[in-house]
């Protein structure tokens, strides 16, 4: 199995390789999977007050924020009153207006960029996303299933790991974009998924909403007890790796394969700049 790894907002392939390093190294040591890293095409500066939080420059987003930030509503969950269930909480902040066409365009562009990366890397058959990367990864899994239904094209992604994620977006036939919530659509993601979050995460509600929209018979969750982070301590790495070992072997067996690793793991980026496989936007 080979994971395509999608960093969070203001991340990069280079920095995410460091963040994910302890877990990726343990999974590779066990001979379970390999990892390749990509990033958004949009170079950005971290928010004021967070200049030293996101690691070495440059930093990137999957979502083009020049017209606005469709991801910004998630940050307001911090101010939400307690007591609401995950779906009601998300509805308070995720009503995308159908008359704001830029929202549809930036989400479609972000997902299509990741599709292009997958198309050019035939060994990739799994997604690992953190924060904004998990949102894009979840939306890609939904979109891939829709495209397979329309065209008959085989689906590539067999397994997904979501760290501190958010529920997927889906573009409807009329062009509008909706956030998929379990009490409205039921199961939206039917492949096996592992959800990793921390009970102290200020954005825990969105991660729970993502878990709820995945097939419960194929999903596992792990609470590392911390905040909105990628866990790196030895005990959490061991526990997560044990879960992944069971899940990866089961997925591979169901797809008629033994556990194999690929020799071409690495970064999909060109040096430290934007992902080299992605065409650059015209200003």
C-alpha atoms as a PDB file:
ATOM      1  CA  UNK A   1       0.000   0.000   0.000  1.00  0.00           C
ATOM      2  CA  UNK A   2       1.172   3.513  -0.748  1.00  0.00           C
ATOM      3  CA  UNK A   3      -0.248   6.566   1.001  1.00  0.00           C
ATOM      4  CA  UNK A   4      -0.490   9.997  -0.574  1.00  0.00           C
ATOM      5  CA  UNK A   5      -0.014  12.368   2.376  1.00  0.00           C
ATOM      6  CA  UNK A   6      -1.844  15.708   2.426  1.00  0.00           C
ATOM      7  CA  UNK A   7      -0.685  18.288   4.998  1.00  0.00           C
ATOM      8  CA  UNK A   8      -2.837  20.756   6.864  1.00  0.00           C
ATOM      9  CA  UNK A   9      -3.318  24.421   6.063  1.00  0.00           C
ATOM     10  CA  UNK A  10      -0.043  26.408   6.075  1.00  0.00           C
ATOM     11  CA  UNK A  11       1.868  23.139   5.747  1.00  0.00           C
ATOM     12  CA  UNK A  12       4.162  21.785   3.068  1.00  0.00           C
ATOM     13  CA  UNK A  13       5.330  18.403   1.842  1.00  0.00           C
ATOM     14  CA  UNK A  14       8.717  19.044   3.474  1.00  0.00           C
ATOM     15  CA  UNK A  15       7.281  19.975   6.867  1.00  0.00           C
ATOM     16  CA  UNK A  16       4.648  17.245   6.821  1.00  0.00           C
ATOM     17  CA  UNK A  17       7.321  14.614   6.264  1.00  0.00           C
ATOM     18  CA  UNK A  18       8.850  15.787   9.553  1.00  0.00           C
ATOM     19  CA  UNK A  19       5.491  15.898  11.365  1.00  0.00           C
ATOM     20  CA  UNK A  20       4.500  12.435  10.212  1.00  0.00           C
ATOM     21  CA  UNK A  21       8.022  11.029  10.436  1.00  0.00           C
ATOM     22  CA  UNK A  22       7.736   8.817  13.555  1.00  0.00           C
ATOM     23  CA  UNK A  23       4.504   7.165  12.383  1.00  0.00           C
ATOM     24  CA  UNK A  24       5.604   6.764   8.762  1.00  0.00           C
ATOM     25  CA  UNK A  25       8.944   5.297   9.802  1.00  0.00           C
ATOM     26  CA  UNK A  26       7.262   2.750  12.069  1.00  0.00           C
ATOM     27  CA  UNK A  27       4.778   1.709   9.379  1.00  0.00           C
ATOM     28  CA  UNK A  28       7.596   1.344   6.853  1.00  0.00           C
ATOM     29  CA  UNK A  29       9.699  -0.585   9.393  1.00  0.00           C
ATOM     30  CA  UNK A  30       6.857  -3.077   9.744  1.00  0.00           C
ATOM     31  CA  UNK A  31       6.729  -3.453   5.963  1.00  0.00           C
ATOM     32  CA  UNK A  32       3.108  -2.315   5.758  1.00  0.00           C
ATOM     33  CA  UNK A  33       3.149   0.692   3.426  1.00  0.00           C
ATOM     34  CA  UNK A  34       5.166   3.504   1.893  1.00  0.00           C
ATOM     35  CA  UNK A  35       4.464   7.231   1.839  1.00  0.00           C
ATOM     36  CA  UNK A  36       4.661  10.042  -0.684  1.00  0.00           C
ATOM     37  CA  UNK A  37       4.046  13.678   0.193  1.00  0.00           C
ATOM     38  CA  UNK A  38       2.409  16.502  -1.684  1.00  0.00           C
ATOM     39  CA  UNK A  39       1.046  19.964  -0.855  1.00  0.00           C
ATOM     40  CA  UNK A  40      -1.316  22.633  -2.062  1.00  0.00           C
ATOM     41  CA  UNK A  41      -0.307  24.881  -4.941  1.00  0.00           C
ATOM     42  CA  UNK A  42      -1.105  28.165  -3.175  1.00  0.00           C
ATOM     43  CA  UNK A  43       1.803  29.730  -1.290  1.00  0.00           C
ATOM     44  CA  UNK A  44       0.593  31.613   1.796  1.00  0.00           C
ATOM     45  CA  UNK A  45       1.838  33.302   4.932  1.00  0.00           C
ATOM     46  CA  UNK A  46       0.633  32.050   8.342  1.00  0.00           C
ATOM     47  CA  UNK A  47      -1.935  34.141  10.221  1.00  0.00           C
ATOM     48  CA  UNK A  48      -0.692  36.999  12.383  1.00  0.00           C
ATOM     49  CA  UNK A  49       0.513  35.677  15.705  1.00  0.00           C
ATOM     50  CA  UNK A  50       1.218  32.215  14.283  1.00  0.00           C
ATOM     51  CA  UNK A  51       4.305  33.080  12.262  1.00  0.00           C
ATOM     52  CA  UNK A  52       6.539  30.608  14.124  1.00  0.00           C
ATOM     53  CA  UNK A  53       4.018  27.801  14.532  1.00  0.00           C
ATOM     54  CA  UNK A  54       3.861  26.185  11.098  1.00  0.00           C
ATOM     55  CA  UNK A  55       7.542  25.507  10.483  1.00  0.00           C
ATOM     56  CA  UNK A  56       9.917  26.520   7.729  1.00  0.00           C
ATOM     57  CA  UNK A  57       8.735  28.621   4.804  1.00  0.00           C
ATOM     58  CA  UNK A  58       7.316  28.395   2.259  1.00  0.00           C
ATOM     59  CA  UNK A  59       3.844  27.378   3.475  1.00  0.00           C
ATOM     60  CA  UNK A  60       0.944  26.290   1.270  1.00  0.00           C
ATOM     61  CA  UNK A  61      -2.808  25.802   1.137  1.00  0.00           C
ATOM     62  CA  UNK A  62      -4.833  23.415  -1.007  1.00  0.00           C
ATOM     63  CA  UNK A  63      -7.598  26.015  -1.032  1.00  0.00           C
ATOM     64  CA  UNK A  64      -7.131  29.287  -2.897  1.00  0.00           C
ATOM     65  CA  UNK A  65      -7.968  32.012  -0.372  1.00  0.00           C
ATOM     66  CA  UNK A  66      -7.598  35.063  -2.625  1.00  0.00           C
ATOM     67  CA  UNK A  67     -11.395  35.532  -2.807  1.00  0.00           C
ATOM     68  CA  UNK A  68     -12.139  34.310   0.713  1.00  0.00           C
ATOM     69  CA  UNK A  69     -11.510  31.281   2.900  1.00  0.00           C
ATOM     70  CA  UNK A  70     -14.112  28.533   2.657  1.00  0.00           C
ATOM     71  CA  UNK A  71     -12.242  26.743   5.474  1.00  0.00           C
ATOM     72  CA  UNK A  72     -12.444  29.728   7.818  1.00  0.00           C
ATOM     73  CA  UNK A  73     -15.829  28.755   9.279  1.00  0.00           C
ATOM     74  CA  UNK A  74     -14.202  25.731  10.910  1.00  0.00           C
ATOM     75  CA  UNK A  75     -12.012  28.003  13.002  1.00  0.00           C
ATOM     76  CA  UNK A  76     -15.138  29.583  14.497  1.00  0.00           C
ATOM     77  CA  UNK A  77     -16.092  26.235  16.046  1.00  0.00           C
ATOM     78  CA  UNK A  78     -13.780  27.218  18.904  1.00  0.00           C
ATOM     79  CA  UNK A  79     -16.354  29.850  19.917  1.00  0.00           C
ATOM     80  CA  UNK A  80     -19.336  27.507  19.636  1.00  0.00           C
ATOM     81  CA  UNK A  81     -21.440  26.804  22.755  1.00  0.00           C
ATOM     82  CA  UNK A  82     -21.088  23.284  24.133  1.00  0.00           C
ATOM     83  CA  UNK A  83     -23.962  20.801  24.018  1.00  0.00           C
ATOM     84  CA  UNK A  84     -24.659  20.666  20.292  1.00  0.00           C
ATOM     85  CA  UNK A  85     -24.107  17.408  18.469  1.00  0.00           C
ATOM     86  CA  UNK A  86     -21.486  17.336  15.730  1.00  0.00           C
ATOM     87  CA  UNK A  87     -23.925  17.781  12.845  1.00  0.00           C
ATOM     88  CA  UNK A  88     -25.796  20.714  14.391  1.00  0.00           C
ATOM     89  CA  UNK A  89     -22.491  22.374  15.205  1.00  0.00           C
ATOM     90  CA  UNK A  90     -21.238  22.029  11.638  1.00  0.00           C
ATOM     91  CA  UNK A  91     -24.492  23.390  10.227  1.00  0.00           C
ATOM     92  CA  UNK A  92     -23.990  26.585  12.190  1.00  0.00           C
ATOM     93  CA  UNK A  93     -20.859  27.387  10.217  1.00  0.00           C
ATOM     94  CA  UNK A  94     -20.867  25.414   6.985  1.00  0.00           C
ATOM     95  CA  UNK A  95     -23.769  26.751   4.971  1.00  0.00           C
ATOM     96  CA  UNK A  96     -22.119  27.518   1.632  1.00  0.00           C
ATOM     97  CA  UNK A  97     -24.049  30.072  -0.387  1.00  0.00           C
ATOM     98  CA  UNK A  98     -24.885  28.917  -3.906  1.00  0.00           C
ATOM     99  CA  UNK A  99     -24.406  32.433  -5.260  1.00  0.00           C
ATOM    100  CA  UNK A 100     -20.706  32.528  -4.318  1.00  0.00           C
ATOM    101  CA  UNK A 101     -19.258  30.720  -7.315  1.00  0.00           C
ATOM    102  CA  UNK A 102     -15.671  31.128  -6.119  1.00  0.00           C
ATOM    103  CA  UNK A 103     -16.360  28.620  -3.324  1.00  0.00           C
ATOM    104  CA  UNK A 104     -17.306  25.921  -5.824  1.00  0.00           C
ATOM    105  CA  UNK A 105     -14.326  26.740  -7.993  1.00  0.00           C
ATOM    106  CA  UNK A 106     -11.699  26.604  -5.248  1.00  0.00           C
ATOM    107  CA  UNK A 107     -12.990  23.337  -3.806  1.00  0.00           C
ATOM    108  CA  UNK A 108     -13.198  21.696  -7.222  1.00  0.00           C
ATOM    109  CA  UNK A 109      -9.721  22.935  -8.104  1.00  0.00           C
ATOM    110  CA  UNK A 110      -8.232  21.635  -4.850  1.00  0.00           C
ATOM    111  CA  UNK A 111      -9.718  18.155  -5.300  1.00  0.00           C
ATOM    112  CA  UNK A 112      -8.793  18.025  -8.999  1.00  0.00           C
ATOM    113  CA  UNK A 113      -5.179  18.865  -8.150  1.00  0.00           C
ATOM    114  CA  UNK A 114      -4.994  15.815  -5.890  1.00  0.00           C
ATOM    115  CA  UNK A 115      -6.650  13.672  -8.579  1.00  0.00           C
ATOM    116  CA  UNK A 116      -3.908  14.769 -10.978  1.00  0.00           C
ATOM    117  CA  UNK A 117      -1.270  13.731  -8.475  1.00  0.00           C
ATOM    118  CA  UNK A 118      -2.868  10.317  -8.032  1.00  0.00           C
ATOM    119  CA  UNK A 119      -3.157   9.830 -11.804  1.00  0.00           C
ATOM    120  CA  UNK A 120       0.570  10.439 -12.215  1.00  0.00           C
ATOM    121  CA  UNK A 121       1.501   8.056  -9.400  1.00  0.00           C
ATOM    122  CA  UNK A 122       0.056   4.609 -10.143  1.00  0.00           C
ATOM    123  CA  UNK A 123       1.198   3.028  -6.859  1.00  0.00           C
ATOM    124  CA  UNK A 124      -0.908   5.355  -4.705  1.00  0.00           C
ATOM    125  CA  UNK A 125      -3.966   3.544  -3.372  1.00  0.00           C
ATOM    126  CA  UNK A 126      -4.538   5.238   0.002  1.00  0.00           C
ATOM    127  CA  UNK A 127      -4.888   8.743   1.435  1.00  0.00           C
ATOM    128  CA  UNK A 128      -3.551  10.187   4.681  1.00  0.00           C
ATOM    129  CA  UNK A 129      -4.716  13.706   5.415  1.00  0.00           C
ATOM    130  CA  UNK A 130      -4.280  16.074   8.333  1.00  0.00           C
ATOM    131  CA  UNK A 131      -6.670  18.966   9.050  1.00  0.00           C
ATOM    132  CA  UNK A 132      -7.274  20.769   5.720  1.00  0.00           C
ATOM    133  CA  UNK A 133      -5.580  17.828   3.981  1.00  0.00           C
ATOM    134  CA  UNK A 134      -8.122  15.484   5.584  1.00  0.00           C
ATOM    135  CA  UNK A 135     -10.984  17.683   4.358  1.00  0.00           C
ATOM    136  CA  UNK A 136      -9.639  17.560   0.797  1.00  0.00           C
ATOM    137  CA  UNK A 137      -8.895  13.839   1.074  1.00  0.00           C
ATOM    138  CA  UNK A 138     -12.399  13.032   2.305  1.00  0.00           C
ATOM    139  CA  UNK A 139     -13.949  15.137  -0.459  1.00  0.00           C
ATOM    140  CA  UNK A 140     -11.771  13.320  -3.004  1.00  0.00           C
ATOM    141  CA  UNK A 141     -12.981   9.899  -1.809  1.00  0.00           C
ATOM    142  CA  UNK A 142     -16.601  11.031  -2.268  1.00  0.00           C
ATOM    143  CA  UNK A 143     -15.890  12.536  -5.678  1.00  0.00           C
ATOM    144  CA  UNK A 144     -13.995   9.447  -6.845  1.00  0.00           C
ATOM    145  CA  UNK A 145     -16.998   7.256  -6.001  1.00  0.00           C
ATOM    146  CA  UNK A 146     -19.285   9.598  -7.956  1.00  0.00           C
ATOM    147  CA  UNK A 147     -16.976   9.577 -10.982  1.00  0.00           C
ATOM    148  CA  UNK A 148     -16.749   5.777 -10.866  1.00  0.00           C
ATOM    149  CA  UNK A 149     -20.535   5.554 -10.895  1.00  0.00           C
ATOM    150  CA  UNK A 150     -20.801   7.955 -13.834  1.00  0.00           C
ATOM    151  CA  UNK A 151     -17.965   6.600 -15.956  1.00  0.00           C
ATOM    152  CA  UNK A 152     -17.216   3.092 -14.740  1.00  0.00           C
ATOM    153  CA  UNK A 153     -13.606   4.055 -14.038  1.00  0.00           C
ATOM    154  CA  UNK A 154     -12.147   1.868 -11.242  1.00  0.00           C
ATOM    155  CA  UNK A 155     -11.613   3.581  -7.920  1.00  0.00           C
ATOM    156  CA  UNK A 156      -8.007   3.951  -6.797  1.00  0.00           C
ATOM    157  CA  UNK A 157      -8.325   4.848  -3.115  1.00  0.00           C
ATOM    158  CA  UNK A 158      -8.962   1.772  -0.974  1.00  0.00           C
ATOM    159  CA  UNK A 159      -8.177   3.165   2.477  1.00  0.00           C
ATOM    160  CA  UNK A 160      -7.968   6.539   4.205  1.00  0.00           C
ATOM    161  CA  UNK A 161      -6.453   7.879   7.421  1.00  0.00           C
ATOM    162  CA  UNK A 162      -7.889  11.179   8.646  1.00  0.00           C
ATOM    163  CA  UNK A 163      -6.073  13.104  11.391  1.00  0.00           C
ATOM    164  CA  UNK A 164      -8.151  15.906  12.952  1.00  0.00           C
ATOM    165  CA  UNK A 165     -10.332  15.987   9.857  1.00  0.00           C
ATOM    166  CA  UNK A 166     -13.566  17.603   8.694  1.00  0.00           C
ATOM    167  CA  UNK A 167     -16.574  16.203   6.806  1.00  0.00           C
ATOM    168  CA  UNK A 168     -16.342  16.201   3.013  1.00  0.00           C
ATOM    169  CA  UNK A 169     -17.851  18.653   0.594  1.00  0.00           C
ATOM    170  CA  UNK A 170     -19.753  17.531  -2.482  1.00  0.00           C
ATOM    171  CA  UNK A 171     -20.747  19.446  -5.590  1.00  0.00           C
ATOM    172  CA  UNK A 172     -24.310  18.773  -6.685  1.00  0.00           C
ATOM    173  CA  UNK A 173     -25.631  18.612 -10.243  1.00  0.00           C
ATOM    174  CA  UNK A 174     -26.894  22.189  -9.978  1.00  0.00           C
ATOM    175  CA  UNK A 175     -23.380  23.393  -9.141  1.00  0.00           C
ATOM    176  CA  UNK A 176     -24.025  24.075  -5.468  1.00  0.00           C
ATOM    177  CA  UNK A 177     -21.669  22.758  -2.804  1.00  0.00           C
ATOM    178  CA  UNK A 178     -22.862  21.090   0.380  1.00  0.00           C
ATOM    179  CA  UNK A 179     -21.152  19.739   3.462  1.00  0.00           C
ATOM    180  CA  UNK A 180     -22.065  16.065   3.892  1.00  0.00           C
ATOM    181  CA  UNK A 181     -23.464  15.360   7.360  1.00  0.00           C
ATOM    182  CA  UNK A 182     -24.574  11.985   8.681  1.00  0.00           C
ATOM    183  CA  UNK A 183     -28.078  12.995   9.744  1.00  0.00           C
ATOM    184  CA  UNK A 184     -28.745  14.329   6.240  1.00  0.00           C
ATOM    185  CA  UNK A 185     -27.007  11.873   3.893  1.00  0.00           C
ATOM    186  CA  UNK A 186     -26.172   8.820   5.998  1.00  0.00           C
ATOM    187  CA  UNK A 187     -22.943   7.131   4.915  1.00  0.00           C
ATOM    188  CA  UNK A 188     -20.927   9.153   2.400  1.00  0.00           C
ATOM    189  CA  UNK A 189     -17.560   7.353   2.590  1.00  0.00           C
ATOM    190  CA  UNK A 190     -17.733   3.594   2.121  1.00  0.00           C
ATOM    191  CA  UNK A 191     -14.045   2.604   2.180  1.00  0.00           C
ATOM    192  CA  UNK A 192     -12.189   1.598   5.367  1.00  0.00           C
ATOM    193  CA  UNK A 193     -11.056   4.619   7.386  1.00  0.00           C
ATOM    194  CA  UNK A 194      -9.011   5.317  10.500  1.00  0.00           C
ATOM    195  CA  UNK A 195      -9.799   8.525  12.356  1.00  0.00           C
ATOM    196  CA  UNK A 196      -7.150   9.983  14.657  1.00  0.00           C
ATOM    197  CA  UNK A 197      -7.977  12.882  16.929  1.00  0.00           C
ATOM    198  CA  UNK A 198      -7.307  14.267  20.399  1.00  0.00           C
ATOM    199  CA  UNK A 199      -9.894  14.926  23.082  1.00  0.00           C
ATOM    200  CA  UNK A 200      -8.341  18.370  23.677  1.00  0.00           C
ATOM    201  CA  UNK A 201      -8.649  19.397  20.020  1.00  0.00           C
ATOM    202  CA  UNK A 202     -10.531  22.692  19.731  1.00  0.00           C
ATOM    203  CA  UNK A 203     -11.876  21.396  16.396  1.00  0.00           C
ATOM    204  CA  UNK A 204     -12.953  17.986  17.693  1.00  0.00           C
ATOM    205  CA  UNK A 205     -16.528  18.541  16.526  1.00  0.00           C
ATOM    206  CA  UNK A 206     -15.517  18.570  12.876  1.00  0.00           C
ATOM    207  CA  UNK A 207     -13.475  15.362  13.268  1.00  0.00           C
ATOM    208  CA  UNK A 208     -16.460  13.629  14.879  1.00  0.00           C
ATOM    209  CA  UNK A 209     -18.714  14.791  12.034  1.00  0.00           C
ATOM    210  CA  UNK A 210     -16.287  13.227   9.539  1.00  0.00           C
ATOM    211  CA  UNK A 211     -16.235   9.957  11.483  1.00  0.00           C
ATOM    212  CA  UNK A 212     -20.047   9.893  11.554  1.00  0.00           C
ATOM    213  CA  UNK A 213     -20.330  10.123   7.758  1.00  0.00           C
ATOM    214  CA  UNK A 214     -18.035   7.103   7.208  1.00  0.00           C
ATOM    215  CA  UNK A 215     -19.210   3.481   7.077  1.00  0.00           C
ATOM    216  CA  UNK A 216     -19.292   2.467  10.767  1.00  0.00           C
ATOM    217  CA  UNK A 217     -18.561  -1.186   9.929  1.00  0.00           C
ATOM    218  CA  UNK A 218     -15.279  -0.194   8.252  1.00  0.00           C
ATOM    219  CA  UNK A 219     -14.117   2.652  10.510  1.00  0.00           C
ATOM    220  CA  UNK A 220     -11.862   2.778  13.526  1.00  0.00           C
ATOM    221  CA  UNK A 221     -10.986   5.735  15.740  1.00  0.00           C
ATOM    222  CA  UNK A 222      -8.069   6.539  17.993  1.00  0.00           C
ATOM    223  CA  UNK A 223      -7.963   9.342  20.576  1.00  0.00           C
ATOM    224  CA  UNK A 224      -4.374  10.320  21.339  1.00  0.00           C
ATOM    225  CA  UNK A 225      -5.483  12.547  24.212  1.00  0.00           C
ATOM    226  CA  UNK A 226      -3.826  15.712  22.906  1.00  0.00           C
ATOM    227  CA  UNK A 227      -4.882  18.671  20.759  1.00  0.00           C
ATOM    228  CA  UNK A 228      -4.986  19.522  17.050  1.00  0.00           C
ATOM    229  CA  UNK A 229      -1.703  17.804  16.269  1.00  0.00           C
ATOM    230  CA  UNK A 230      -0.091  14.869  14.505  1.00  0.00           C
ATOM    231  CA  UNK A 231       0.949  12.604  17.407  1.00  0.00           C
ATOM    232  CA  UNK A 232       4.667  11.807  17.563  1.00  0.00           C
ATOM    233  CA  UNK A 233       5.286  10.266  21.007  1.00  0.00           C
ATOM    234  CA  UNK A 234       6.399   6.632  21.200  1.00  0.00           C
ATOM    235  CA  UNK A 235       3.346   5.213  22.969  1.00  0.00           C
ATOM    236  CA  UNK A 236       0.801   6.759  20.605  1.00  0.00           C
ATOM    237  CA  UNK A 237       2.901   5.752  17.593  1.00  0.00           C
ATOM    238  CA  UNK A 238       2.951   2.138  18.791  1.00  0.00           C
ATOM    239  CA  UNK A 239      -0.798   2.040  19.406  1.00  0.00           C
ATOM    240  CA  UNK A 240      -1.699   3.708  16.094  1.00  0.00           C
ATOM    241  CA  UNK A 241       0.693   1.435  14.216  1.00  0.00           C
ATOM    242  CA  UNK A 242      -0.928  -1.647  15.745  1.00  0.00           C
ATOM    243  CA  UNK A 243      -4.336  -0.476  14.515  1.00  0.00           C
ATOM    244  CA  UNK A 244      -2.967   0.363  11.082  1.00  0.00           C
ATOM    245  CA  UNK A 245      -1.257  -3.010  10.803  1.00  0.00           C
ATOM    246  CA  UNK A 246      -4.561  -4.820  11.294  1.00  0.00           C
ATOM    247  CA  UNK A 247      -6.466  -2.511   8.960  1.00  0.00           C
ATOM    248  CA  UNK A 248      -3.880  -2.436   6.158  1.00  0.00           C
ATOM    249  CA  UNK A 249      -3.521  -6.213   6.118  1.00  0.00           C
ATOM    250  CA  UNK A 250      -7.292  -6.618   5.966  1.00  0.00           C
ATOM    251  CA  UNK A 251      -7.635  -4.090   3.121  1.00  0.00           C
ATOM    252  CA  UNK A 252      -4.844  -5.760   1.156  1.00  0.00           C
ATOM    253  CA  UNK A 253      -6.379  -9.199   1.638  1.00  0.00           C
ATOM    254  CA  UNK A 254      -9.805  -7.969   0.528  1.00  0.00           C
ATOM    255  CA  UNK A 255      -8.207  -6.555  -2.614  1.00  0.00           C
ATOM    256  CA  UNK A 256      -6.374  -9.787  -3.357  1.00  0.00           C
ATOM    257  CA  UNK A 257      -2.899  -8.560  -2.432  1.00  0.00           C
ATOM    258  CA  UNK A 258      -0.323  -9.228   0.211  1.00  0.00           C
ATOM    259  CA  UNK A 259       1.308  -6.406   2.091  1.00  0.00           C
ATOM    260  CA  UNK A 260       3.912  -4.809  -0.163  1.00  0.00           C
ATOM    261  CA  UNK A 261       5.941  -1.623  -0.110  1.00  0.00           C
ATOM    262  CA  UNK A 262       6.896   0.521  -3.079  1.00  0.00           C
ATOM    263  CA  UNK A 263      10.463   1.531  -3.829  1.00  0.00           C
ATOM    264  CA  UNK A 264       9.610   4.955  -5.225  1.00  0.00           C
ATOM    265  CA  UNK A 265       8.332   6.587  -2.058  1.00  0.00           C
ATOM    266  CA  UNK A 266       9.291  10.199  -1.516  1.00  0.00           C
ATOM    267  CA  UNK A 267       8.090  13.705  -2.162  1.00  0.00           C
ATOM    268  CA  UNK A 268       6.092  14.813  -5.162  1.00  0.00           C
ATOM    269  CA  UNK A 269       7.395  18.335  -4.873  1.00  0.00           C
ATOM    270  CA  UNK A 270      10.023  20.107  -6.914  1.00  0.00           C
ATOM    271  CA  UNK A 271      12.562  21.198  -4.305  1.00  0.00           C
ATOM    272  CA  UNK A 272      10.949  23.393  -1.664  1.00  0.00           C
ATOM    273  CA  UNK A 273       8.488  25.031  -4.037  1.00  0.00           C
ATOM    274  CA  UNK A 274       4.872  24.210  -4.890  1.00  0.00           C
ATOM    275  CA  UNK A 275       4.080  20.660  -5.943  1.00  0.00           C
ATOM    276  CA  UNK A 276       5.814  20.234  -9.287  1.00  0.00           C
ATOM    277  CA  UNK A 277       2.978  18.177 -10.751  1.00  0.00           C
ATOM    278  CA  UNK A 278       0.520  21.024 -10.340  1.00  0.00           C
ATOM    279  CA  UNK A 279       0.052  23.737 -12.997  1.00  0.00           C
ATOM    280  CA  UNK A 280       0.482  27.212 -11.576  1.00  0.00           C
ATOM    281  CA  UNK A 281      -2.419  29.637 -11.294  1.00  0.00           C
ATOM    282  CA  UNK A 282      -2.508  32.717 -13.435  1.00  0.00           C
ATOM    283  CA  UNK A 283      -2.935  35.858 -11.374  1.00  0.00           C
END
